[in-house]
N, C-alpha and C. Protein backbone atom coordinates (compact mmCIF):
# COMPACT_ATOMS: atom_id res chain seq x y z
N UNK A 1 -47.23 56.03 -134.81
CA UNK A 1 -47.30 56.40 -136.20
C UNK A 1 -46.00 57.08 -136.63
N UNK A 2 -45.61 56.79 -137.83
CA UNK A 2 -44.41 57.42 -138.35
C UNK A 2 -44.69 58.88 -138.72
N UNK A 3 -43.65 59.68 -138.75
CA UNK A 3 -43.78 61.09 -139.11
C UNK A 3 -44.39 61.26 -140.50
N UNK A 4 -43.99 60.41 -141.42
CA UNK A 4 -44.50 60.50 -142.79
C UNK A 4 -46.00 60.20 -142.83
N UNK A 5 -46.46 59.30 -141.98
CA UNK A 5 -47.89 58.99 -141.93
C UNK A 5 -48.69 60.17 -141.41
N UNK A 6 -48.19 60.80 -140.35
CA UNK A 6 -48.86 61.98 -139.81
C UNK A 6 -48.96 63.06 -140.88
N UNK A 7 -47.85 63.32 -141.54
CA UNK A 7 -47.82 64.34 -142.59
C UNK A 7 -48.80 64.02 -143.72
N UNK A 8 -48.82 62.76 -144.17
CA UNK A 8 -49.70 62.37 -145.27
C UNK A 8 -51.18 62.42 -144.88
N UNK A 9 -51.50 62.03 -143.68
CA UNK A 9 -52.91 62.04 -143.27
C UNK A 9 -53.39 63.47 -143.02
N UNK A 10 -52.51 64.33 -142.52
CA UNK A 10 -52.86 65.75 -142.40
C UNK A 10 -53.14 66.33 -143.79
N UNK A 11 -52.31 66.01 -144.75
CA UNK A 11 -52.53 66.47 -146.13
C UNK A 11 -53.86 65.94 -146.67
N UNK A 12 -54.13 64.69 -146.40
CA UNK A 12 -55.39 64.10 -146.84
C UNK A 12 -56.58 64.85 -146.22
N UNK A 13 -56.52 65.08 -144.91
CA UNK A 13 -57.63 65.74 -144.22
C UNK A 13 -57.83 67.18 -144.71
N UNK A 14 -56.75 67.88 -145.00
CA UNK A 14 -56.87 69.29 -145.38
C UNK A 14 -57.13 69.49 -146.86
N UNK A 15 -56.79 68.50 -147.68
CA UNK A 15 -57.01 68.60 -149.13
C UNK A 15 -57.73 67.36 -149.64
N UNK A 16 -58.78 66.99 -148.94
CA UNK A 16 -59.47 65.74 -149.20
C UNK A 16 -59.96 65.62 -150.64
N UNK A 17 -60.41 66.72 -151.22
CA UNK A 17 -60.92 66.70 -152.58
C UNK A 17 -59.89 66.31 -153.62
N UNK A 18 -58.62 66.42 -153.29
CA UNK A 18 -57.56 66.00 -154.21
C UNK A 18 -57.38 64.48 -154.22
N UNK A 19 -57.85 63.83 -153.17
CA UNK A 19 -57.63 62.40 -153.02
C UNK A 19 -58.88 61.57 -153.29
N UNK A 20 -60.03 62.07 -152.88
CA UNK A 20 -61.26 61.33 -153.06
C UNK A 20 -62.37 62.27 -153.53
N UNK A 21 -63.29 61.73 -154.29
CA UNK A 21 -64.43 62.53 -154.75
C UNK A 21 -65.62 61.59 -154.88
N UNK A 22 -66.68 61.85 -154.20
CA UNK A 22 -66.91 62.96 -153.29
C UNK A 22 -66.23 62.72 -151.94
N UNK A 23 -66.07 63.79 -151.20
CA UNK A 23 -65.47 63.70 -149.86
C UNK A 23 -66.57 63.29 -148.89
N UNK A 24 -66.66 61.99 -148.66
CA UNK A 24 -67.69 61.49 -147.76
C UNK A 24 -67.14 60.31 -146.96
N UNK A 25 -68.00 59.78 -146.13
CA UNK A 25 -67.62 58.70 -145.22
C UNK A 25 -67.03 57.50 -145.96
N UNK A 26 -67.68 57.06 -147.01
CA UNK A 26 -67.23 55.90 -147.76
C UNK A 26 -65.83 56.12 -148.33
N UNK A 27 -65.61 57.29 -148.89
CA UNK A 27 -64.31 57.61 -149.46
C UNK A 27 -63.21 57.69 -148.41
N UNK A 28 -63.52 58.30 -147.27
CA UNK A 28 -62.54 58.42 -146.18
C UNK A 28 -62.14 57.04 -145.68
N UNK A 29 -63.13 56.20 -145.43
CA UNK A 29 -62.85 54.85 -144.93
C UNK A 29 -62.00 54.08 -145.95
N UNK A 30 -62.38 54.12 -147.20
CA UNK A 30 -61.63 53.40 -148.24
C UNK A 30 -60.20 53.93 -148.36
N UNK A 31 -60.04 55.25 -148.35
CA UNK A 31 -58.70 55.83 -148.47
C UNK A 31 -57.82 55.40 -147.31
N UNK A 32 -58.32 55.54 -146.08
CA UNK A 32 -57.50 55.23 -144.90
C UNK A 32 -57.13 53.75 -144.85
N UNK A 33 -58.06 52.88 -145.17
CA UNK A 33 -57.74 51.46 -145.16
C UNK A 33 -56.74 51.13 -146.27
N UNK A 34 -56.89 51.74 -147.42
CA UNK A 34 -55.93 51.54 -148.51
C UNK A 34 -54.56 52.08 -148.15
N UNK A 35 -54.52 53.25 -147.53
CA UNK A 35 -53.24 53.84 -147.12
C UNK A 35 -52.53 52.92 -146.12
N UNK A 36 -53.28 52.45 -145.13
CA UNK A 36 -52.66 51.57 -144.13
C UNK A 36 -52.19 50.26 -144.74
N UNK A 37 -52.94 49.73 -145.68
CA UNK A 37 -52.52 48.50 -146.35
C UNK A 37 -51.21 48.73 -147.10
N UNK A 38 -51.14 49.85 -147.79
CA UNK A 38 -49.93 50.16 -148.56
C UNK A 38 -48.73 50.41 -147.64
N UNK A 39 -48.99 50.84 -146.41
CA UNK A 39 -47.90 51.08 -145.45
C UNK A 39 -47.41 49.79 -144.81
N UNK A 40 -47.98 48.67 -145.21
CA UNK A 40 -47.54 47.33 -144.77
C UNK A 40 -47.52 47.20 -143.24
N UNK A 41 -48.57 47.70 -142.60
CA UNK A 41 -48.68 47.55 -141.15
C UNK A 41 -47.92 48.56 -140.32
N UNK A 42 -47.21 49.48 -140.96
CA UNK A 42 -46.42 50.47 -140.21
C UNK A 42 -47.24 51.67 -139.78
N UNK A 43 -48.39 51.88 -140.40
CA UNK A 43 -49.29 52.97 -140.02
C UNK A 43 -50.48 52.37 -139.29
N UNK A 44 -50.71 52.82 -138.07
CA UNK A 44 -51.81 52.31 -137.26
C UNK A 44 -52.77 53.44 -136.89
N UNK A 45 -53.07 54.29 -137.88
CA UNK A 45 -53.90 55.47 -137.63
C UNK A 45 -55.31 55.11 -137.18
N UNK A 46 -55.94 54.17 -137.86
CA UNK A 46 -57.32 53.83 -137.48
C UNK A 46 -57.37 53.17 -136.11
N UNK A 47 -56.35 52.43 -135.74
CA UNK A 47 -56.28 51.86 -134.38
C UNK A 47 -56.15 52.98 -133.36
N UNK A 48 -55.35 54.01 -133.69
CA UNK A 48 -55.21 55.16 -132.79
C UNK A 48 -56.53 55.92 -132.67
N UNK A 49 -57.26 56.03 -133.79
CA UNK A 49 -58.59 56.66 -133.75
C UNK A 49 -59.51 55.90 -132.81
N UNK A 50 -59.56 54.60 -132.96
CA UNK A 50 -60.45 53.77 -132.13
C UNK A 50 -60.09 53.89 -130.66
N UNK A 51 -58.80 53.85 -130.36
CA UNK A 51 -58.35 53.97 -128.97
C UNK A 51 -58.70 55.34 -128.39
N UNK A 52 -58.50 56.38 -129.17
CA UNK A 52 -58.82 57.74 -128.73
C UNK A 52 -60.32 57.89 -128.48
N UNK A 53 -61.13 57.35 -129.36
CA UNK A 53 -62.59 57.40 -129.18
C UNK A 53 -63.02 56.67 -127.90
N UNK A 54 -62.35 55.57 -127.59
CA UNK A 54 -62.68 54.82 -126.39
C UNK A 54 -62.27 55.58 -125.13
N UNK A 55 -61.04 56.10 -125.13
CA UNK A 55 -60.53 56.76 -123.93
C UNK A 55 -61.13 58.14 -123.70
N UNK A 56 -61.13 58.97 -124.71
CA UNK A 56 -61.54 60.37 -124.53
C UNK A 56 -63.05 60.54 -124.54
N UNK A 57 -63.73 59.84 -125.42
CA UNK A 57 -65.16 60.04 -125.60
C UNK A 57 -66.02 58.91 -125.03
N UNK A 58 -65.37 57.86 -124.54
CA UNK A 58 -66.06 56.71 -123.96
C UNK A 58 -67.04 56.06 -124.94
N UNK A 59 -66.59 55.94 -126.17
CA UNK A 59 -67.36 55.24 -127.20
C UNK A 59 -66.62 53.92 -127.45
N UNK A 60 -67.18 52.87 -126.92
CA UNK A 60 -66.52 51.57 -127.00
C UNK A 60 -66.49 51.04 -128.43
N UNK A 61 -65.43 50.33 -128.72
CA UNK A 61 -65.30 49.71 -130.03
C UNK A 61 -66.16 48.46 -130.10
N UNK A 62 -66.48 48.06 -131.29
CA UNK A 62 -67.23 46.83 -131.51
C UNK A 62 -66.75 46.19 -132.79
N UNK A 63 -67.44 45.19 -133.24
CA UNK A 63 -67.01 44.46 -134.43
C UNK A 63 -67.07 45.31 -135.70
N UNK A 64 -67.78 46.44 -135.67
CA UNK A 64 -67.87 47.30 -136.85
C UNK A 64 -66.74 48.32 -136.92
N UNK A 65 -65.92 48.41 -135.88
CA UNK A 65 -64.70 49.20 -135.91
C UNK A 65 -64.85 50.69 -135.68
N UNK A 66 -63.77 51.40 -135.98
CA UNK A 66 -63.65 52.83 -135.71
C UNK A 66 -64.70 53.64 -136.45
N UNK A 67 -65.06 53.20 -137.63
CA UNK A 67 -66.04 53.91 -138.44
C UNK A 67 -67.38 54.02 -137.70
N UNK A 68 -67.78 52.93 -137.06
CA UNK A 68 -69.03 52.92 -136.31
C UNK A 68 -68.90 53.70 -135.00
N UNK A 69 -67.72 53.70 -134.40
CA UNK A 69 -67.51 54.50 -133.20
C UNK A 69 -67.75 55.98 -133.52
N UNK A 70 -67.24 56.42 -134.65
CA UNK A 70 -67.45 57.81 -135.06
C UNK A 70 -68.93 58.07 -135.30
N UNK A 71 -69.63 57.12 -135.89
CA UNK A 71 -71.07 57.27 -136.12
C UNK A 71 -71.82 57.45 -134.81
N UNK A 72 -71.48 56.64 -133.82
CA UNK A 72 -72.18 56.74 -132.53
C UNK A 72 -71.88 58.06 -131.83
N UNK A 73 -70.63 58.53 -131.92
CA UNK A 73 -70.30 59.82 -131.32
C UNK A 73 -71.00 60.94 -132.07
N UNK A 74 -71.07 60.86 -133.37
CA UNK A 74 -71.77 61.87 -134.17
C UNK A 74 -73.24 61.93 -133.78
N UNK A 75 -73.84 60.79 -133.62
CA UNK A 75 -75.25 60.74 -133.22
C UNK A 75 -75.43 61.34 -131.83
N UNK A 76 -74.53 60.99 -130.92
CA UNK A 76 -74.60 61.50 -129.55
C UNK A 76 -74.48 63.02 -129.51
N UNK A 77 -73.64 63.57 -130.38
CA UNK A 77 -73.38 65.02 -130.40
C UNK A 77 -74.24 65.77 -131.41
N UNK A 78 -75.08 65.07 -132.13
CA UNK A 78 -75.92 65.66 -133.19
C UNK A 78 -75.08 66.37 -134.25
N UNK A 79 -74.04 65.68 -134.68
CA UNK A 79 -73.14 66.20 -135.71
C UNK A 79 -73.10 65.23 -136.88
N UNK A 80 -72.54 65.70 -137.97
CA UNK A 80 -72.34 64.88 -139.16
C UNK A 80 -71.11 63.98 -138.95
N UNK A 81 -71.11 62.81 -139.59
CA UNK A 81 -70.00 61.88 -139.46
C UNK A 81 -68.68 62.53 -139.83
N UNK A 82 -68.67 63.28 -140.93
CA UNK A 82 -67.43 63.90 -141.41
C UNK A 82 -66.90 64.92 -140.40
N UNK A 83 -67.78 65.68 -139.77
CA UNK A 83 -67.34 66.66 -138.77
C UNK A 83 -66.66 65.96 -137.60
N UNK A 84 -67.24 64.87 -137.15
CA UNK A 84 -66.65 64.14 -136.03
C UNK A 84 -65.34 63.48 -136.44
N UNK A 85 -65.30 62.92 -137.64
CA UNK A 85 -64.04 62.33 -138.11
C UNK A 85 -62.93 63.38 -138.12
N UNK A 86 -63.20 64.55 -138.66
CA UNK A 86 -62.17 65.59 -138.73
C UNK A 86 -61.76 66.07 -137.34
N UNK A 87 -62.70 66.17 -136.42
CA UNK A 87 -62.39 66.55 -135.04
C UNK A 87 -61.49 65.52 -134.38
N UNK A 88 -61.91 64.28 -134.39
CA UNK A 88 -61.17 63.23 -133.70
C UNK A 88 -59.82 62.97 -134.36
N UNK A 89 -59.79 62.95 -135.68
CA UNK A 89 -58.51 62.70 -136.36
C UNK A 89 -57.53 63.83 -136.11
N UNK A 90 -58.00 65.07 -136.04
CA UNK A 90 -57.08 66.17 -135.75
C UNK A 90 -56.53 66.06 -134.33
N UNK A 91 -57.33 65.57 -133.39
CA UNK A 91 -56.83 65.36 -132.03
C UNK A 91 -55.76 64.28 -132.00
N UNK A 92 -55.99 63.20 -132.71
CA UNK A 92 -55.01 62.10 -132.76
C UNK A 92 -53.72 62.57 -133.44
N UNK A 93 -53.85 63.28 -134.54
CA UNK A 93 -52.67 63.75 -135.26
C UNK A 93 -51.91 64.79 -134.44
N UNK A 94 -52.62 65.68 -133.76
CA UNK A 94 -51.96 66.68 -132.91
C UNK A 94 -51.20 66.01 -131.78
N UNK A 95 -51.80 65.00 -131.17
CA UNK A 95 -51.12 64.27 -130.09
C UNK A 95 -49.86 63.59 -130.61
N UNK A 96 -49.91 63.06 -131.82
CA UNK A 96 -48.73 62.41 -132.41
C UNK A 96 -47.62 63.42 -132.64
N UNK A 97 -47.96 64.61 -133.11
CA UNK A 97 -46.96 65.65 -133.35
C UNK A 97 -46.38 66.13 -132.02
N UNK A 98 -47.24 66.37 -131.03
CA UNK A 98 -46.77 66.84 -129.72
C UNK A 98 -45.88 65.80 -129.05
N UNK A 99 -46.24 64.53 -129.15
CA UNK A 99 -45.42 63.47 -128.57
C UNK A 99 -44.05 63.41 -129.21
N UNK A 100 -43.99 63.60 -130.51
CA UNK A 100 -42.72 63.59 -131.23
C UNK A 100 -41.87 64.79 -130.81
N UNK A 101 -42.51 65.96 -130.64
CA UNK A 101 -41.77 67.15 -130.23
C UNK A 101 -41.19 66.98 -128.84
N UNK A 102 -41.97 66.38 -127.92
CA UNK A 102 -41.47 66.15 -126.56
C UNK A 102 -40.28 65.20 -126.58
N UNK A 103 -40.37 64.14 -127.37
CA UNK A 103 -39.25 63.19 -127.45
C UNK A 103 -38.03 63.85 -128.05
N UNK A 104 -38.22 64.71 -129.06
CA UNK A 104 -37.11 65.40 -129.70
C UNK A 104 -36.44 66.36 -128.73
N UNK A 105 -37.22 67.13 -127.98
CA UNK A 105 -36.67 68.07 -127.02
C UNK A 105 -35.91 67.35 -125.92
N UNK A 106 -36.46 66.25 -125.44
CA UNK A 106 -35.80 65.48 -124.39
C UNK A 106 -34.49 64.88 -124.86
N UNK A 107 -34.44 64.45 -126.09
CA UNK A 107 -33.23 63.83 -126.64
C UNK A 107 -32.16 64.87 -126.95
N UNK A 108 -32.57 66.12 -127.21
CA UNK A 108 -31.60 67.13 -127.59
C UNK A 108 -30.96 67.82 -126.39
N UNK A 109 -31.48 67.59 -125.20
CA UNK A 109 -30.91 68.22 -124.02
C UNK A 109 -29.56 67.59 -123.68
N UNK A 110 -28.70 68.42 -123.17
CA UNK A 110 -27.37 67.97 -122.76
C UNK A 110 -27.50 67.25 -121.43
N UNK A 111 -27.11 65.98 -121.34
CA UNK A 111 -27.24 65.24 -120.10
C UNK A 111 -26.40 65.83 -118.97
N UNK A 112 -25.37 66.57 -119.28
CA UNK A 112 -24.52 67.17 -118.26
C UNK A 112 -25.16 68.42 -117.67
N UNK A 113 -26.25 68.91 -118.32
CA UNK A 113 -26.96 70.08 -117.81
C UNK A 113 -26.29 71.39 -118.16
N UNK A 114 -25.45 71.40 -119.16
CA UNK A 114 -24.79 72.66 -119.55
C UNK A 114 -25.48 73.32 -120.68
C-alpha cells in the first residue's frame, strides 16, 4: 500500500462520520471499494485485510470476500462487525506503517558503518 493510502484510510477510520452516514458495514464496504477503484489498482487494502484475516485469525476467504471474513470473525468473538473491522484494519495499517519505517531506517544507514 502506498503511504497516501495508509494515511487516507486511517483518516477514514478515525473520522468515519465525515465520509459516510450512517457509519455501518454497508457504508464502510462501499467507501473502501470506491476508494480502491479510484486508486486505479494501486491500493490493495481489502486484499491486505483478507490476507491478514487468513493468516492471523485463521478465517479463510471465500467467494463473499473480506467482508464475510470479518463477519465470521465477529461471530466467533461475539463482537459487532464494525468493532472487528476497526480492530483488523488498525492491525493492517499499523503493520504497513511499521514496515515503511523499517525500510526507511535501513535505507538511511551508512553502508560504511560510520
